[in-house]
Amino acid sequence: VQLVESGGGLVQAGDSLRLSCAASGIAFSVWVMAWYRQVPGKQRELVASIVSSGSSTNYADSVKGRFTISRDNAKNTLYLRMNRVKPEDTGVYFCRATSYTRAYWGQGTQVTVSS
């Protein structure tokens, strides 16, 4: 199983960014997918999640209205569109695949937002 994130980088506050997570080795379309982020010294926190069909999403309060999680099951890819980013959005962003019995993590992609 591989989850490979990409799209991170250094951006300025107010900019937009799109993260991608390419999945392989799993039946992507049946897994719940999510984005988490982590900053040094703090626990990894849930940013957004999406059900297998894509019909339902959930967001942390801090990103509601700015971030959009989506998925393309035909391409086995998860996305996170980040609009109007803020310095507090800085962190390593991880994608996670979850089923009833298993969970897998990607290696993460760094997002740094300068003020």
N, C-alpha and C. Protein backbone atom coordinates (compact mmCIF):
# COMPACT_ATOMS: atom_id res chain seq x y z
N VAL A 1 0.84 -1.19 0.00
CA VAL A 1 0.00 0.00 0.00
C VAL A 1 0.88 1.25 0.00
N GLN A 2 0.54 2.17 -0.88
CA GLN A 2 1.26 3.44 -0.91
C GLN A 2 0.28 4.60 -1.00
N LEU A 3 0.52 5.59 -0.16
CA LEU A 3 -0.18 6.86 -0.25
C LEU A 3 0.89 7.92 -0.41
N VAL A 4 0.88 8.61 -1.53
CA VAL A 4 1.94 9.56 -1.84
C VAL A 4 1.35 10.95 -1.99
N GLU A 5 1.68 11.82 -1.03
CA GLU A 5 1.20 13.20 -1.08
C GLU A 5 2.12 14.06 -1.93
N SER A 6 1.55 15.08 -2.52
CA SER A 6 2.32 16.06 -3.28
C SER A 6 1.57 17.39 -3.29
N GLY A 7 2.26 18.42 -3.72
CA GLY A 7 1.62 19.73 -3.86
C GLY A 7 1.95 20.73 -2.77
N GLY A 8 2.68 20.30 -1.76
CA GLY A 8 3.05 21.24 -0.70
C GLY A 8 4.11 22.22 -1.18
N GLY A 9 4.38 23.20 -0.34
CA GLY A 9 5.40 24.18 -0.68
C GLY A 9 5.30 25.40 0.20
N LEU A 10 6.01 26.43 -0.20
CA LEU A 10 6.02 27.70 0.52
C LEU A 10 5.12 28.68 -0.21
N VAL A 11 4.13 29.19 0.49
CA VAL A 11 3.19 30.15 -0.10
C VAL A 11 3.00 31.33 0.85
N GLN A 12 2.40 32.36 0.35
CA GLN A 12 2.11 33.53 1.17
C GLN A 12 0.68 33.47 1.68
N ALA A 13 0.45 34.11 2.79
CA ALA A 13 -0.90 34.19 3.35
C ALA A 13 -1.85 34.75 2.29
N GLY A 14 -3.01 34.11 2.19
CA GLY A 14 -4.01 34.53 1.20
C GLY A 14 -3.94 33.76 -0.11
N ASP A 15 -2.85 33.04 -0.32
CA ASP A 15 -2.70 32.26 -1.55
C ASP A 15 -3.55 30.99 -1.51
N SER A 16 -3.54 30.28 -2.64
CA SER A 16 -4.22 29.00 -2.74
C SER A 16 -3.22 27.91 -3.06
N LEU A 17 -3.60 26.68 -2.71
CA LEU A 17 -2.71 25.54 -2.88
C LEU A 17 -3.59 24.30 -3.03
N ARG A 18 -3.15 23.34 -3.84
CA ARG A 18 -3.89 22.09 -3.92
C ARG A 18 -2.95 20.93 -3.63
N LEU A 19 -3.30 20.15 -2.64
CA LEU A 19 -2.57 18.95 -2.31
C LEU A 19 -3.22 17.76 -2.98
N SER A 20 -2.39 16.78 -3.33
CA SER A 20 -2.89 15.53 -3.91
C SER A 20 -2.34 14.36 -3.12
N CYS A 21 -3.08 13.28 -3.11
CA CYS A 21 -2.63 12.04 -2.48
C CYS A 21 -2.97 10.90 -3.43
N ALA A 22 -1.96 10.31 -4.03
CA ALA A 22 -2.15 9.21 -4.96
C ALA A 22 -2.06 7.89 -4.21
N ALA A 23 -3.07 7.08 -4.35
CA ALA A 23 -3.14 5.81 -3.62
C ALA A 23 -2.90 4.64 -4.56
N SER A 24 -2.22 3.63 -4.05
CA SER A 24 -2.04 2.39 -4.79
C SER A 24 -2.01 1.25 -3.78
N GLY A 25 -2.41 0.06 -4.26
CA GLY A 25 -2.38 -1.12 -3.39
C GLY A 25 -3.63 -1.30 -2.56
N ILE A 26 -4.60 -0.40 -2.71
CA ILE A 26 -5.88 -0.54 -2.02
C ILE A 26 -7.01 -0.30 -3.01
N ALA A 27 -8.18 -0.82 -2.67
CA ALA A 27 -9.38 -0.54 -3.47
C ALA A 27 -9.86 0.84 -3.05
N PHE A 28 -9.28 1.85 -3.63
CA PHE A 28 -9.43 3.23 -3.18
C PHE A 28 -10.89 3.63 -2.99
N SER A 29 -11.75 3.21 -3.88
CA SER A 29 -13.12 3.70 -3.88
C SER A 29 -13.94 3.26 -2.68
N VAL A 30 -13.45 2.32 -1.88
CA VAL A 30 -14.22 1.86 -0.72
C VAL A 30 -13.65 2.36 0.60
N TRP A 31 -12.58 3.13 0.53
CA TRP A 31 -11.94 3.60 1.75
C TRP A 31 -12.36 5.02 2.08
N VAL A 32 -12.57 5.28 3.36
CA VAL A 32 -12.73 6.65 3.84
C VAL A 32 -11.36 7.30 3.82
N MET A 33 -11.30 8.50 3.31
CA MET A 33 -10.02 9.20 3.19
C MET A 33 -10.06 10.49 4.00
N ALA A 34 -8.89 10.91 4.43
CA ALA A 34 -8.83 12.12 5.23
C ALA A 34 -7.48 12.80 5.08
N TRP A 35 -7.46 14.08 5.39
CA TRP A 35 -6.22 14.85 5.50
C TRP A 35 -6.03 15.24 6.95
N TYR A 36 -4.80 15.07 7.41
CA TYR A 36 -4.39 15.50 8.74
C TYR A 36 -3.21 16.45 8.59
N ARG A 37 -2.98 17.23 9.61
CA ARG A 37 -1.75 18.04 9.61
C ARG A 37 -1.12 17.99 11.00
N GLN A 38 0.18 18.22 10.98
CA GLN A 38 0.94 18.16 12.23
C GLN A 38 2.01 19.24 12.23
N VAL A 39 2.14 19.89 13.36
CA VAL A 39 3.22 20.85 13.57
C VAL A 39 4.09 20.32 14.70
N PRO A 40 5.37 20.70 14.72
CA PRO A 40 6.27 20.18 15.77
C PRO A 40 5.73 20.44 17.17
N GLY A 41 5.76 19.42 17.99
CA GLY A 41 5.33 19.55 19.37
C GLY A 41 3.85 19.40 19.60
N LYS A 42 3.11 19.18 18.53
CA LYS A 42 1.66 19.02 18.68
C LYS A 42 1.20 17.72 18.05
N GLN A 43 0.03 17.27 18.50
CA GLN A 43 -0.54 16.05 17.93
C GLN A 43 -1.03 16.30 16.52
N ARG A 44 -1.03 15.23 15.76
CA ARG A 44 -1.60 15.29 14.43
C ARG A 44 -3.10 15.56 14.56
N GLU A 45 -3.61 16.50 13.75
CA GLU A 45 -5.03 16.87 13.86
C GLU A 45 -5.74 16.65 12.53
N LEU A 46 -7.00 16.28 12.64
CA LEU A 46 -7.82 16.07 11.46
C LEU A 46 -8.16 17.40 10.83
N VAL A 47 -7.94 17.49 9.53
CA VAL A 47 -8.28 18.69 8.77
C VAL A 47 -9.61 18.49 8.06
N ALA A 48 -9.75 17.36 7.35
CA ALA A 48 -10.96 17.10 6.60
C ALA A 48 -11.03 15.62 6.29
N SER A 49 -12.26 15.13 6.11
CA SER A 49 -12.44 13.73 5.74
C SER A 49 -13.56 13.63 4.71
N ILE A 50 -13.57 12.52 4.00
CA ILE A 50 -14.55 12.32 2.94
C ILE A 50 -14.89 10.83 2.88
N VAL A 51 -16.16 10.53 2.73
CA VAL A 51 -16.58 9.14 2.66
C VAL A 51 -16.21 8.54 1.30
N SER A 52 -16.36 7.23 1.19
CA SER A 52 -15.88 6.53 0.00
C SER A 52 -16.51 7.04 -1.29
N SER A 53 -17.78 7.36 -1.25
CA SER A 53 -18.47 7.83 -2.46
C SER A 53 -18.20 9.30 -2.76
N GLY A 54 -17.70 10.01 -1.77
CA GLY A 54 -17.50 11.44 -1.93
C GLY A 54 -18.73 12.27 -1.59
N SER A 55 -19.80 11.62 -1.17
CA SER A 55 -21.06 12.32 -0.97
C SER A 55 -21.13 13.09 0.35
N SER A 56 -20.22 12.81 1.25
CA SER A 56 -20.24 13.49 2.54
C SER A 56 -18.83 13.86 2.96
N THR A 57 -18.69 15.06 3.48
CA THR A 57 -17.38 15.56 3.92
C THR A 57 -17.49 16.16 5.32
N ASN A 58 -16.35 16.27 5.96
CA ASN A 58 -16.29 16.83 7.30
C ASN A 58 -15.03 17.67 7.41
N TYR A 59 -15.14 18.83 8.11
CA TYR A 59 -14.00 19.74 8.21
C TYR A 59 -13.76 20.19 9.64
N ALA A 60 -12.50 20.44 9.93
CA ALA A 60 -12.18 21.11 11.19
C ALA A 60 -12.72 22.54 11.12
N ASP A 61 -13.14 23.05 12.26
CA ASP A 61 -13.70 24.40 12.28
C ASP A 61 -12.73 25.44 11.72
N SER A 62 -11.45 25.21 11.94
CA SER A 62 -10.44 26.19 11.54
C SER A 62 -10.29 26.32 10.03
N VAL A 63 -10.79 25.34 9.28
CA VAL A 63 -10.62 25.39 7.82
C VAL A 63 -11.95 25.47 7.07
N LYS A 64 -13.05 25.40 7.78
CA LYS A 64 -14.36 25.45 7.12
C LYS A 64 -14.50 26.73 6.30
N GLY A 65 -14.99 26.56 5.09
CA GLY A 65 -15.17 27.71 4.21
C GLY A 65 -13.94 28.09 3.41
N ARG A 66 -12.78 27.50 3.77
CA ARG A 66 -11.53 27.82 3.05
C ARG A 66 -10.97 26.60 2.32
N PHE A 67 -11.09 25.43 2.92
CA PHE A 67 -10.54 24.20 2.34
C PHE A 67 -11.67 23.35 1.78
N THR A 68 -11.35 22.59 0.73
CA THR A 68 -12.29 21.65 0.16
C THR A 68 -11.59 20.32 -0.09
N ILE A 69 -12.14 19.27 0.48
CA ILE A 69 -11.62 17.93 0.24
C ILE A 69 -12.45 17.29 -0.87
N SER A 70 -11.79 16.56 -1.74
CA SER A 70 -12.48 15.88 -2.82
C SER A 70 -11.69 14.64 -3.20
N ARG A 71 -12.28 13.81 -4.00
CA ARG A 71 -11.61 12.60 -4.44
C ARG A 71 -12.06 12.24 -5.85
N ASP A 72 -11.15 11.59 -6.56
CA ASP A 72 -11.45 11.06 -7.88
C ASP A 72 -11.20 9.56 -7.80
N ASN A 73 -12.25 8.80 -7.64
CA ASN A 73 -12.09 7.36 -7.47
C ASN A 73 -11.58 6.68 -8.73
N ALA A 74 -11.82 7.27 -9.87
CA ALA A 74 -11.30 6.69 -11.11
C ALA A 74 -9.78 6.85 -11.20
N LYS A 75 -9.26 7.87 -10.54
CA LYS A 75 -7.81 8.12 -10.56
C LYS A 75 -7.12 7.71 -9.27
N ASN A 76 -7.90 7.15 -8.33
CA ASN A 76 -7.32 6.75 -7.03
C ASN A 76 -6.58 7.91 -6.35
N THR A 77 -7.20 9.07 -6.39
CA THR A 77 -6.51 10.26 -5.89
C THR A 77 -7.43 11.08 -5.00
N LEU A 78 -6.85 11.54 -3.91
CA LEU A 78 -7.52 12.42 -2.96
C LEU A 78 -6.93 13.81 -3.11
N TYR A 79 -7.75 14.84 -2.92
CA TYR A 79 -7.29 16.21 -3.06
C TYR A 79 -7.67 17.04 -1.84
N LEU A 80 -6.92 18.11 -1.64
CA LEU A 80 -7.29 19.11 -0.66
C LEU A 80 -7.02 20.48 -1.29
N ARG A 81 -8.07 21.19 -1.60
CA ARG A 81 -7.94 22.53 -2.11
C ARG A 81 -7.90 23.49 -0.93
N MET A 82 -6.85 24.27 -0.84
CA MET A 82 -6.64 25.18 0.28
C MET A 82 -6.68 26.60 -0.25
N ASN A 83 -7.71 27.32 0.11
CA ASN A 83 -7.85 28.73 -0.30
C ASN A 83 -7.63 29.65 0.89
N ARG A 84 -7.21 30.87 0.60
CA ARG A 84 -7.01 31.91 1.63
C ARG A 84 -6.22 31.34 2.81
N VAL A 85 -5.09 30.75 2.50
CA VAL A 85 -4.31 30.11 3.55
C VAL A 85 -3.79 31.14 4.54
N LYS A 86 -3.56 30.66 5.76
CA LYS A 86 -3.09 31.50 6.85
C LYS A 86 -1.80 30.92 7.41
N PRO A 87 -0.99 31.71 8.09
CA PRO A 87 0.24 31.16 8.70
C PRO A 87 -0.04 29.97 9.61
N GLU A 88 -1.18 29.97 10.28
CA GLU A 88 -1.49 28.84 11.16
C GLU A 88 -1.86 27.57 10.42
N ASP A 89 -1.94 27.63 9.10
CA ASP A 89 -2.14 26.41 8.30
C ASP A 89 -0.81 25.69 8.05
N THR A 90 0.27 26.29 8.46
CA THR A 90 1.59 25.67 8.28
C THR A 90 1.67 24.33 9.00
N GLY A 91 2.26 23.36 8.34
CA GLY A 91 2.45 22.04 8.95
C GLY A 91 2.74 21.00 7.89
N VAL A 92 2.93 19.78 8.35
CA VAL A 92 3.06 18.65 7.44
C VAL A 92 1.67 18.04 7.26
N TYR A 93 1.26 17.92 6.03
CA TYR A 93 -0.07 17.39 5.72
C TYR A 93 0.06 15.93 5.29
N PHE A 94 -0.73 15.10 5.95
CA PHE A 94 -0.73 13.67 5.70
C PHE A 94 -2.09 13.23 5.18
N CYS A 95 -2.11 12.29 4.26
CA CYS A 95 -3.38 11.67 3.92
C CYS A 95 -3.47 10.33 4.63
N ARG A 96 -4.69 9.93 4.89
CA ARG A 96 -4.95 8.70 5.62
C ARG A 96 -6.10 7.96 4.95
N ALA A 97 -5.92 6.66 4.82
CA ALA A 97 -6.96 5.78 4.30
C ALA A 97 -7.43 4.91 5.45
N THR A 98 -8.74 4.82 5.63
CA THR A 98 -9.30 4.08 6.76
C THR A 98 -10.40 3.14 6.29
N SER A 99 -10.34 1.91 6.82
CA SER A 99 -11.44 0.97 6.65
C SER A 99 -11.90 0.57 8.05
N TYR A 100 -12.75 -0.43 8.13
CA TYR A 100 -13.21 -0.88 9.46
C TYR A 100 -12.07 -1.47 10.28
N THR A 101 -11.10 -2.05 9.59
CA THR A 101 -10.07 -2.79 10.32
C THR A 101 -8.66 -2.26 10.14
N ARG A 102 -8.44 -1.36 9.19
CA ARG A 102 -7.08 -0.92 8.91
C ARG A 102 -7.02 0.57 8.63
N ALA A 103 -5.83 1.09 8.78
CA ALA A 103 -5.57 2.48 8.42
C ALA A 103 -4.16 2.59 7.89
N TYR A 104 -3.99 3.44 6.88
CA TYR A 104 -2.68 3.67 6.29
C TYR A 104 -2.44 5.17 6.20
N TRP A 105 -1.15 5.52 6.35
CA TRP A 105 -0.74 6.92 6.27
C TRP A 105 0.24 7.13 5.12
N GLY A 106 0.19 8.30 4.55
CA GLY A 106 1.22 8.72 3.62
C GLY A 106 2.41 9.27 4.38
N GLN A 107 3.41 9.71 3.62
CA GLN A 107 4.64 10.19 4.26
C GLN A 107 4.59 11.68 4.58
N GLY A 108 3.59 12.36 4.04
CA GLY A 108 3.39 13.77 4.34
C GLY A 108 4.02 14.71 3.33
N THR A 109 3.45 15.91 3.26
CA THR A 109 4.00 16.97 2.42
C THR A 109 3.97 18.26 3.23
N GLN A 110 5.05 19.02 3.18
CA GLN A 110 5.17 20.22 4.01
C GLN A 110 4.48 21.40 3.34
N VAL A 111 3.67 22.09 4.12
CA VAL A 111 3.06 23.34 3.68
C VAL A 111 3.53 24.43 4.64
N THR A 112 4.11 25.47 4.09
CA THR A 112 4.58 26.59 4.89
C THR A 112 3.93 27.87 4.36
N VAL A 113 3.23 28.56 5.25
CA VAL A 113 2.55 29.79 4.87
C VAL A 113 3.24 30.97 5.55
N SER A 114 3.76 31.87 4.75
CA SER A 114 4.43 33.04 5.32
C SER A 114 3.45 34.20 5.43
N SER A 115 3.69 35.04 6.42
CA SER A 115 2.77 36.16 6.64
C SER A 115 3.22 37.40 5.90
